[in-house]
Amino acid sequence: MYISFDQMSENSRIWVYQANRKLTSAEQQWISDKLKVFCEQWNTHGALMPTSFAIRFDQVILMAVDESQLGASGCSIDSSVRTLKEIEKQLQINLLDQGKVSFLSAENDFEMTSVLGVKAILKEGKIKPDTVILNPLIAKKSDLDKKWLIPAKESWLNKYFANS
């Protein structure tokens, strides 16, 4: 059962999916329509769960499930991944590859690089210790406030700033 993202419990489980490019307004509307339909029927073992999604930075999809009554099962999570794969195929984007590093540039634009390309970005000075990066490993909606957008020095990238 779909609920507005703002109305989801702060303890709702969150998954973060980063597109490898910015999405147009039309693509975001198409994704929103598709995900709303999906959330309306997203269930675990036949029981509907309070669910939602949000699109942030024109590039990041947040999926949420309120597990206070009933936890998301492996099959229900698999169904969400199937839907995301359909979105990937239709829009020719990559959402499910977790090997991405996203950050806010000096101009406050959302940028992304592959994990393999992060050393080059660091060398160019695009990511510094205080650069805000996106932490895709958050677990709960409440993490969006304090653990989602963090300084690079508070992330796994800190090892590259040892001499800073």
N, C-alpha and C. Protein backbone atom coordinates (compact mmCIF):
# COMPACT_ATOMS: atom_id res chain seq x y z
N MET A 1 0.84 -1.17 0.00
CA MET A 1 0.00 0.00 0.00
C MET A 1 0.89 1.23 0.00
N TYR A 2 0.66 2.09 -0.98
CA TYR A 2 1.47 3.29 -1.15
C TYR A 2 1.08 4.36 -0.13
N ILE A 3 2.10 4.97 0.47
CA ILE A 3 1.94 6.09 1.39
C ILE A 3 2.94 7.16 0.95
N SER A 4 2.59 8.41 1.09
CA SER A 4 3.52 9.49 0.77
C SER A 4 4.82 9.28 1.54
N PHE A 5 5.95 9.53 0.90
CA PHE A 5 7.26 9.32 1.53
C PHE A 5 7.37 10.09 2.85
N ASP A 6 6.85 11.31 2.87
CA ASP A 6 6.91 12.13 4.08
C ASP A 6 6.12 11.51 5.24
N GLN A 7 5.13 10.70 4.92
CA GLN A 7 4.29 10.08 5.94
C GLN A 7 4.84 8.75 6.45
N MET A 8 5.89 8.26 5.81
CA MET A 8 6.48 6.98 6.25
C MET A 8 7.13 7.14 7.62
N SER A 9 7.06 6.08 8.41
CA SER A 9 7.68 6.06 9.73
C SER A 9 9.18 6.32 9.62
N GLU A 10 9.74 7.00 10.60
CA GLU A 10 11.18 7.25 10.63
C GLU A 10 11.97 5.95 10.74
N ASN A 11 11.32 4.88 11.21
CA ASN A 11 11.98 3.58 11.32
C ASN A 11 11.83 2.72 10.07
N SER A 12 11.22 3.27 9.04
CA SER A 12 11.04 2.52 7.79
C SER A 12 12.40 2.13 7.22
N ARG A 13 12.45 0.93 6.67
CA ARG A 13 13.66 0.45 6.01
C ARG A 13 13.82 1.17 4.68
N ILE A 14 15.06 1.53 4.37
CA ILE A 14 15.36 2.29 3.15
C ILE A 14 16.37 1.55 2.28
N TRP A 15 16.15 1.63 0.96
CA TRP A 15 17.13 1.17 -0.02
C TRP A 15 17.44 2.36 -0.91
N VAL A 16 18.70 2.53 -1.26
CA VAL A 16 19.15 3.65 -2.09
C VAL A 16 19.63 3.11 -3.43
N TYR A 17 19.07 3.64 -4.51
CA TYR A 17 19.47 3.25 -5.86
C TYR A 17 19.88 4.50 -6.62
N GLN A 18 21.10 4.49 -7.13
CA GLN A 18 21.65 5.65 -7.82
C GLN A 18 21.69 5.40 -9.33
N ALA A 19 21.04 6.28 -10.08
CA ALA A 19 21.11 6.18 -11.54
C ALA A 19 22.47 6.71 -11.99
N ASN A 20 22.95 6.17 -13.07
CA ASN A 20 24.26 6.57 -13.57
C ASN A 20 24.23 7.87 -14.36
N ARG A 21 23.05 8.49 -14.43
CA ARG A 21 22.92 9.79 -15.09
C ARG A 21 21.69 10.49 -14.52
N LYS A 22 21.62 11.80 -14.75
CA LYS A 22 20.45 12.55 -14.33
C LYS A 22 19.24 12.11 -15.15
N LEU A 23 18.10 12.11 -14.51
CA LEU A 23 16.85 11.72 -15.15
C LEU A 23 16.09 12.97 -15.57
N THR A 24 15.51 12.93 -16.75
CA THR A 24 14.70 14.06 -17.21
C THR A 24 13.41 14.12 -16.38
N SER A 25 12.72 15.24 -16.48
CA SER A 25 11.43 15.38 -15.78
C SER A 25 10.45 14.32 -16.25
N ALA A 26 10.42 14.07 -17.56
CA ALA A 26 9.51 13.06 -18.10
C ALA A 26 9.88 11.67 -17.57
N GLU A 27 11.17 11.36 -17.49
CA GLU A 27 11.60 10.06 -16.96
C GLU A 27 11.25 9.93 -15.48
N GLN A 28 11.42 11.01 -14.73
CA GLN A 28 11.07 10.97 -13.31
C GLN A 28 9.58 10.76 -13.12
N GLN A 29 8.76 11.37 -13.97
CA GLN A 29 7.32 11.18 -13.89
C GLN A 29 6.95 9.74 -14.22
N TRP A 30 7.59 9.19 -15.25
CA TRP A 30 7.33 7.80 -15.64
C TRP A 30 7.73 6.85 -14.50
N ILE A 31 8.89 7.09 -13.90
CA ILE A 31 9.35 6.26 -12.77
C ILE A 31 8.37 6.39 -11.61
N SER A 32 7.96 7.61 -11.30
CA SER A 32 7.01 7.83 -10.20
C SER A 32 5.71 7.08 -10.43
N ASP A 33 5.19 7.15 -11.65
CA ASP A 33 3.95 6.43 -11.97
C ASP A 33 4.14 4.93 -11.79
N LYS A 34 5.26 4.41 -12.31
CA LYS A 34 5.53 2.96 -12.22
C LYS A 34 5.72 2.52 -10.77
N LEU A 35 6.47 3.29 -9.99
CA LEU A 35 6.73 2.91 -8.60
C LEU A 35 5.49 3.07 -7.73
N LYS A 36 4.64 4.02 -8.03
CA LYS A 36 3.41 4.16 -7.25
C LYS A 36 2.53 2.93 -7.44
N VAL A 37 2.40 2.49 -8.69
CA VAL A 37 1.63 1.27 -8.97
C VAL A 37 2.26 0.08 -8.26
N PHE A 38 3.58 -0.02 -8.33
CA PHE A 38 4.27 -1.12 -7.65
C PHE A 38 4.02 -1.07 -6.14
N CYS A 39 4.18 0.11 -5.54
CA CYS A 39 4.01 0.23 -4.09
C CYS A 39 2.59 -0.10 -3.65
N GLU A 40 1.61 0.21 -4.49
CA GLU A 40 0.22 -0.10 -4.15
C GLU A 40 0.01 -1.60 -3.93
N GLN A 41 0.81 -2.43 -4.60
CA GLN A 41 0.61 -3.88 -4.47
C GLN A 41 1.80 -4.60 -3.83
N TRP A 42 2.83 -3.84 -3.40
CA TRP A 42 4.03 -4.46 -2.79
C TRP A 42 3.61 -5.17 -1.52
N ASN A 43 3.88 -6.45 -1.45
CA ASN A 43 3.43 -7.23 -0.30
C ASN A 43 4.49 -8.26 0.09
N THR A 44 4.31 -8.79 1.29
CA THR A 44 5.14 -9.89 1.76
C THR A 44 4.21 -11.01 2.17
N HIS A 45 4.37 -12.14 1.54
CA HIS A 45 3.52 -13.31 1.80
C HIS A 45 2.04 -12.96 1.72
N GLY A 46 1.69 -12.11 0.74
CA GLY A 46 0.30 -11.76 0.50
C GLY A 46 -0.23 -10.59 1.32
N ALA A 47 0.53 -10.12 2.30
CA ALA A 47 0.08 -9.00 3.14
C ALA A 47 0.70 -7.70 2.63
N LEU A 48 -0.15 -6.71 2.36
CA LEU A 48 0.35 -5.41 1.90
C LEU A 48 1.15 -4.73 3.00
N MET A 49 2.21 -4.04 2.59
CA MET A 49 3.06 -3.32 3.53
C MET A 49 2.97 -1.83 3.21
N PRO A 50 3.05 -0.96 4.23
CA PRO A 50 3.14 0.48 3.95
C PRO A 50 4.48 0.74 3.24
N THR A 51 4.41 1.27 2.03
CA THR A 51 5.60 1.45 1.21
C THR A 51 5.59 2.81 0.53
N SER A 52 6.77 3.25 0.10
CA SER A 52 6.86 4.50 -0.61
C SER A 52 8.18 4.58 -1.35
N PHE A 53 8.38 5.71 -1.99
CA PHE A 53 9.62 5.98 -2.72
C PHE A 53 9.77 7.49 -2.83
N ALA A 54 10.96 7.92 -3.14
CA ALA A 54 11.24 9.33 -3.42
C ALA A 54 12.36 9.38 -4.44
N ILE A 55 12.37 10.41 -5.24
CA ILE A 55 13.47 10.64 -6.17
C ILE A 55 14.16 11.92 -5.72
N ARG A 56 15.45 11.82 -5.49
CA ARG A 56 16.23 12.98 -5.02
C ARG A 56 17.37 13.27 -6.00
N PHE A 57 17.76 14.52 -6.07
CA PHE A 57 18.87 14.96 -6.91
C PHE A 57 18.67 14.60 -8.39
N ASP A 58 17.45 14.35 -8.82
CA ASP A 58 17.15 13.95 -10.20
C ASP A 58 17.88 12.67 -10.60
N GLN A 59 18.35 11.89 -9.61
CA GLN A 59 19.21 10.76 -9.95
C GLN A 59 19.15 9.61 -8.95
N VAL A 60 18.59 9.84 -7.79
CA VAL A 60 18.61 8.83 -6.73
C VAL A 60 17.18 8.43 -6.38
N ILE A 61 16.94 7.11 -6.37
CA ILE A 61 15.63 6.59 -5.97
C ILE A 61 15.77 5.99 -4.58
N LEU A 62 14.92 6.44 -3.68
CA LEU A 62 14.84 5.88 -2.34
C LEU A 62 13.57 5.05 -2.26
N MET A 63 13.71 3.79 -1.87
CA MET A 63 12.55 2.92 -1.65
C MET A 63 12.42 2.72 -0.15
N ALA A 64 11.18 2.73 0.35
CA ALA A 64 10.95 2.62 1.79
C ALA A 64 9.84 1.62 2.09
N VAL A 65 10.03 0.86 3.17
CA VAL A 65 9.02 -0.08 3.66
C VAL A 65 8.93 0.07 5.17
N ASP A 66 7.71 0.26 5.66
CA ASP A 66 7.50 0.29 7.11
C ASP A 66 7.35 -1.15 7.57
N GLU A 67 8.37 -1.65 8.25
CA GLU A 67 8.38 -3.05 8.69
C GLU A 67 7.88 -3.21 10.12
N SER A 68 7.22 -2.21 10.69
CA SER A 68 6.79 -2.29 12.08
C SER A 68 5.76 -3.40 12.31
N GLN A 69 4.93 -3.69 11.31
CA GLN A 69 3.93 -4.75 11.45
C GLN A 69 4.40 -6.06 10.84
N LEU A 70 5.10 -5.95 9.71
CA LEU A 70 5.49 -7.14 8.97
C LEU A 70 6.74 -6.81 8.16
N GLY A 71 7.79 -7.58 8.34
CA GLY A 71 9.05 -7.31 7.63
C GLY A 71 8.99 -7.70 6.17
N ALA A 72 9.81 -7.03 5.37
CA ALA A 72 9.91 -7.36 3.95
C ALA A 72 10.61 -8.70 3.81
N SER A 73 10.01 -9.61 3.05
CA SER A 73 10.61 -10.92 2.83
C SER A 73 11.57 -10.87 1.65
N GLY A 74 12.35 -11.92 1.49
CA GLY A 74 13.24 -12.01 0.34
C GLY A 74 12.49 -11.91 -0.97
N CYS A 75 11.33 -12.56 -1.03
CA CYS A 75 10.53 -12.51 -2.26
C CYS A 75 10.01 -11.11 -2.53
N SER A 76 9.62 -10.38 -1.48
CA SER A 76 9.11 -9.02 -1.70
C SER A 76 10.24 -8.10 -2.14
N ILE A 77 11.42 -8.28 -1.59
CA ILE A 77 12.57 -7.47 -2.02
C ILE A 77 12.92 -7.81 -3.46
N ASP A 78 12.88 -9.10 -3.80
CA ASP A 78 13.13 -9.51 -5.18
C ASP A 78 12.15 -8.85 -6.15
N SER A 79 10.90 -8.70 -5.74
CA SER A 79 9.91 -8.08 -6.63
C SER A 79 10.25 -6.61 -6.86
N SER A 80 10.78 -5.94 -5.85
CA SER A 80 11.17 -4.54 -6.05
C SER A 80 12.37 -4.45 -7.00
N VAL A 81 13.30 -5.39 -6.87
CA VAL A 81 14.46 -5.40 -7.76
C VAL A 81 14.02 -5.66 -9.21
N ARG A 82 13.05 -6.55 -9.40
CA ARG A 82 12.53 -6.79 -10.76
C ARG A 82 11.95 -5.50 -11.36
N THR A 83 11.24 -4.76 -10.54
CA THR A 83 10.67 -3.49 -11.01
C THR A 83 11.78 -2.51 -11.37
N LEU A 84 12.81 -2.45 -10.56
CA LEU A 84 13.93 -1.55 -10.86
C LEU A 84 14.67 -1.98 -12.13
N LYS A 85 14.76 -3.29 -12.36
CA LYS A 85 15.37 -3.78 -13.60
C LYS A 85 14.55 -3.37 -14.81
N GLU A 86 13.22 -3.38 -14.69
CA GLU A 86 12.36 -2.92 -15.78
C GLU A 86 12.61 -1.44 -16.05
N ILE A 87 12.77 -0.66 -15.00
CA ILE A 87 13.05 0.76 -15.15
C ILE A 87 14.40 0.96 -15.85
N GLU A 88 15.39 0.20 -15.41
CA GLU A 88 16.71 0.26 -16.04
C GLU A 88 16.62 0.00 -17.54
N LYS A 89 15.92 -1.07 -17.88
CA LYS A 89 15.81 -1.48 -19.29
C LYS A 89 15.08 -0.42 -20.11
N GLN A 90 13.96 0.06 -19.59
CA GLN A 90 13.15 1.03 -20.33
C GLN A 90 13.91 2.34 -20.55
N LEU A 91 14.65 2.80 -19.53
CA LEU A 91 15.30 4.11 -19.62
C LEU A 91 16.79 4.03 -19.96
N GLN A 92 17.29 2.82 -20.16
CA GLN A 92 18.71 2.65 -20.49
C GLN A 92 19.60 3.31 -19.44
N ILE A 93 19.33 2.98 -18.16
CA ILE A 93 20.13 3.50 -17.06
C ILE A 93 20.62 2.35 -16.21
N ASN A 94 21.53 2.65 -15.31
CA ASN A 94 22.03 1.65 -14.38
C ASN A 94 21.68 2.11 -12.97
N LEU A 95 20.83 1.34 -12.30
CA LEU A 95 20.43 1.64 -10.93
C LEU A 95 21.02 0.65 -9.92
N LEU A 96 21.19 -0.59 -10.34
CA LEU A 96 21.49 -1.65 -9.39
C LEU A 96 22.98 -1.87 -9.13
N ASP A 97 23.84 -1.32 -9.96
CA ASP A 97 25.28 -1.43 -9.73
C ASP A 97 25.63 -0.56 -8.52
N GLN A 98 26.16 -1.18 -7.49
CA GLN A 98 26.48 -0.45 -6.26
C GLN A 98 27.87 0.20 -6.29
N GLY A 99 28.60 0.02 -7.36
CA GLY A 99 29.97 0.55 -7.45
C GLY A 99 30.03 2.00 -7.86
N LYS A 100 29.27 2.86 -7.18
CA LYS A 100 29.22 4.27 -7.52
C LYS A 100 29.53 5.12 -6.29
N VAL A 101 30.17 6.25 -6.53
CA VAL A 101 30.41 7.23 -5.48
C VAL A 101 29.75 8.53 -5.94
N SER A 102 28.83 9.04 -5.14
CA SER A 102 28.11 10.26 -5.48
C SER A 102 28.48 11.35 -4.49
N PHE A 103 28.58 12.58 -5.00
CA PHE A 103 28.99 13.69 -4.15
C PHE A 103 28.42 15.00 -4.68
N LEU A 104 28.43 16.01 -3.82
CA LEU A 104 28.03 17.34 -4.22
C LEU A 104 29.28 18.12 -4.57
N SER A 105 29.32 18.64 -5.79
CA SER A 105 30.50 19.37 -6.25
C SER A 105 30.58 20.72 -5.55
N ALA A 106 31.67 21.44 -5.80
CA ALA A 106 31.84 22.78 -5.23
C ALA A 106 30.69 23.69 -5.65
N GLU A 107 30.09 23.44 -6.80
CA GLU A 107 28.95 24.23 -7.28
C GLU A 107 27.63 23.70 -6.74
N ASN A 108 27.71 22.71 -5.85
CA ASN A 108 26.54 22.08 -5.23
C ASN A 108 25.71 21.28 -6.23
N ASP A 109 26.37 20.82 -7.29
CA ASP A 109 25.73 19.92 -8.25
C ASP A 109 25.99 18.49 -7.82
N PHE A 110 25.03 17.63 -8.07
CA PHE A 110 25.17 16.21 -7.76
C PHE A 110 26.01 15.56 -8.85
N GLU A 111 27.10 14.91 -8.47
CA GLU A 111 27.96 14.24 -9.43
C GLU A 111 28.19 12.80 -8.98
N MET A 112 28.57 11.97 -9.93
CA MET A 112 28.80 10.56 -9.64
C MET A 112 30.01 10.07 -10.41
N THR A 113 30.72 9.15 -9.80
CA THR A 113 31.82 8.47 -10.48
C THR A 113 31.78 7.01 -10.06
N SER A 114 32.48 6.18 -10.79
CA SER A 114 32.55 4.78 -10.38
C SER A 114 33.56 4.65 -9.25
N VAL A 115 33.42 3.63 -8.46
CA VAL A 115 34.39 3.38 -7.39
C VAL A 115 35.78 3.27 -7.99
N LEU A 116 35.87 2.67 -9.18
CA LEU A 116 37.16 2.52 -9.84
C LEU A 116 37.76 3.86 -10.26
N GLY A 117 36.93 4.87 -10.46
CA GLY A 117 37.42 6.18 -10.88
C GLY A 117 37.60 7.17 -9.75
N VAL A 118 37.35 6.74 -8.52
CA VAL A 118 37.37 7.68 -7.40
C VAL A 118 38.77 8.24 -7.14
N LYS A 119 39.81 7.45 -7.34
CA LYS A 119 41.17 7.96 -7.10
C LYS A 119 41.49 9.14 -8.02
N ALA A 120 41.06 9.04 -9.27
CA ALA A 120 41.31 10.12 -10.22
C ALA A 120 40.55 11.39 -9.79
N ILE A 121 39.33 11.24 -9.35
CA ILE A 121 38.51 12.38 -8.90
C ILE A 121 39.16 13.03 -7.67
N LEU A 122 39.67 12.19 -6.77
CA LEU A 122 40.36 12.71 -5.59
C LEU A 122 41.62 13.47 -6.00
N LYS A 123 42.36 12.92 -6.92
CA LYS A 123 43.60 13.54 -7.39
C LYS A 123 43.30 14.90 -8.04
N GLU A 124 42.18 14.98 -8.77
CA GLU A 124 41.78 16.24 -9.40
C GLU A 124 41.31 17.27 -8.37
N GLY A 125 41.07 16.81 -7.14
CA GLY A 125 40.60 17.72 -6.10
C GLY A 125 39.10 17.94 -6.12
N LYS A 126 38.37 17.13 -6.88
CA LYS A 126 36.91 17.27 -6.91
C LYS A 126 36.27 16.80 -5.61
N ILE A 127 36.93 15.84 -4.95
CA ILE A 127 36.46 15.38 -3.65
C ILE A 127 37.55 15.69 -2.64
N LYS A 128 37.18 16.49 -1.64
CA LYS A 128 38.09 16.87 -0.55
C LYS A 128 37.50 16.34 0.75
N PRO A 129 38.23 16.43 1.86
CA PRO A 129 37.71 15.89 3.12
C PRO A 129 36.32 16.40 3.50
N ASP A 130 36.01 17.66 3.19
CA ASP A 130 34.71 18.22 3.57
C ASP A 130 33.65 18.13 2.48
N THR A 131 33.99 17.55 1.34
CA THR A 131 33.01 17.36 0.27
C THR A 131 31.89 16.45 0.76
N VAL A 132 30.67 16.85 0.51
CA VAL A 132 29.51 16.05 0.93
C VAL A 132 29.34 14.89 -0.05
N ILE A 133 29.35 13.68 0.52
CA ILE A 133 29.11 12.49 -0.30
C ILE A 133 27.82 11.82 0.15
N LEU A 134 27.28 11.01 -0.73
CA LEU A 134 26.06 10.27 -0.44
C LEU A 134 26.46 8.91 0.12
N ASN A 135 25.93 8.57 1.28
CA ASN A 135 26.17 7.27 1.90
C ASN A 135 25.02 6.34 1.50
N PRO A 136 25.24 5.43 0.55
CA PRO A 136 24.15 4.57 0.08
C PRO A 136 23.82 3.42 1.04
N LEU A 137 24.54 3.32 2.14
CA LEU A 137 24.35 2.20 3.05
C LEU A 137 23.43 2.50 4.22
N ILE A 138 22.67 3.59 4.12
CA ILE A 138 21.74 3.88 5.20
C ILE A 138 20.69 2.77 5.29
N ALA A 139 20.13 2.60 6.47
CA ALA A 139 19.19 1.50 6.68
C ALA A 139 17.77 1.96 6.99
N LYS A 140 17.63 3.16 7.59
CA LYS A 140 16.31 3.63 8.03
C LYS A 140 16.05 5.05 7.51
N LYS A 141 14.79 5.38 7.40
CA LYS A 141 14.42 6.72 6.94
C LYS A 141 15.04 7.79 7.83
N SER A 142 15.12 7.55 9.12
CA SER A 142 15.71 8.53 10.03
C SER A 142 17.18 8.80 9.71
N ASP A 143 17.85 7.84 9.05
CA ASP A 143 19.25 8.03 8.66
C ASP A 143 19.42 9.13 7.62
N LEU A 144 18.35 9.47 6.91
CA LEU A 144 18.43 10.50 5.88
C LEU A 144 18.87 11.84 6.48
N ASP A 145 18.51 12.08 7.73
CA ASP A 145 18.84 13.36 8.37
C ASP A 145 20.31 13.49 8.76
N LYS A 146 20.93 12.39 9.21
CA LYS A 146 22.28 12.51 9.77
C LYS A 146 23.33 11.61 9.14
N LYS A 147 22.92 10.59 8.45
CA LYS A 147 23.89 9.61 7.95
C LYS A 147 23.93 9.48 6.43
N TRP A 148 23.03 10.17 5.73
CA TRP A 148 22.95 10.00 4.28
C TRP A 148 23.93 10.90 3.54
N LEU A 149 23.92 12.17 3.85
CA LEU A 149 24.83 13.12 3.23
C LEU A 149 25.87 13.50 4.28
N ILE A 150 27.09 13.01 4.07
CA ILE A 150 28.14 13.17 5.08
C ILE A 150 29.44 13.68 4.44
N PRO A 151 30.31 14.29 5.24
CA PRO A 151 31.61 14.70 4.70
C PRO A 151 32.42 13.46 4.30
N ALA A 152 33.16 13.59 3.22
CA ALA A 152 33.97 12.47 2.73
C ALA A 152 34.90 11.93 3.83
N LYS A 153 35.39 12.81 4.68
CA LYS A 153 36.32 12.37 5.74
C LYS A 153 35.63 11.47 6.77
N GLU A 154 34.30 11.42 6.77
CA GLU A 154 33.56 10.54 7.69
C GLU A 154 33.08 9.27 6.99
N SER A 155 33.60 9.03 5.80
CA SER A 155 33.21 7.86 5.02
C SER A 155 34.42 6.97 4.79
N TRP A 156 34.22 5.93 4.00
CA TRP A 156 35.31 5.03 3.66
C TRP A 156 36.41 5.74 2.86
N LEU A 157 36.08 6.90 2.31
CA LEU A 157 37.07 7.68 1.56
C LEU A 157 38.12 8.32 2.46
N ASN A 158 37.88 8.31 3.75
CA ASN A 158 38.80 8.92 4.70
C ASN A 158 40.24 8.41 4.55
N LYS A 159 40.39 7.17 4.16
CA LYS A 159 41.73 6.60 4.02
C LYS A 159 42.57 7.36 3.00
N TYR A 160 41.93 8.07 2.07
CA TYR A 160 42.66 8.84 1.07
C TYR A 160 43.08 10.21 1.58
N PHE A 161 42.60 10.59 2.76
CA PHE A 161 42.92 11.91 3.31
C PHE A 161 43.88 11.83 4.48
N ALA A 162 44.55 10.72 4.66
CA ALA A 162 45.41 10.50 5.83
C ALA A 162 46.47 11.59 5.98
N ASN A 163 46.95 12.13 4.87
CA ASN A 163 48.01 13.14 4.94
C ASN A 163 47.47 14.56 4.85
N SER A 164 46.16 14.71 4.90
CA SER A 164 45.56 16.05 4.77
C SER A 164 45.67 16.82 6.06
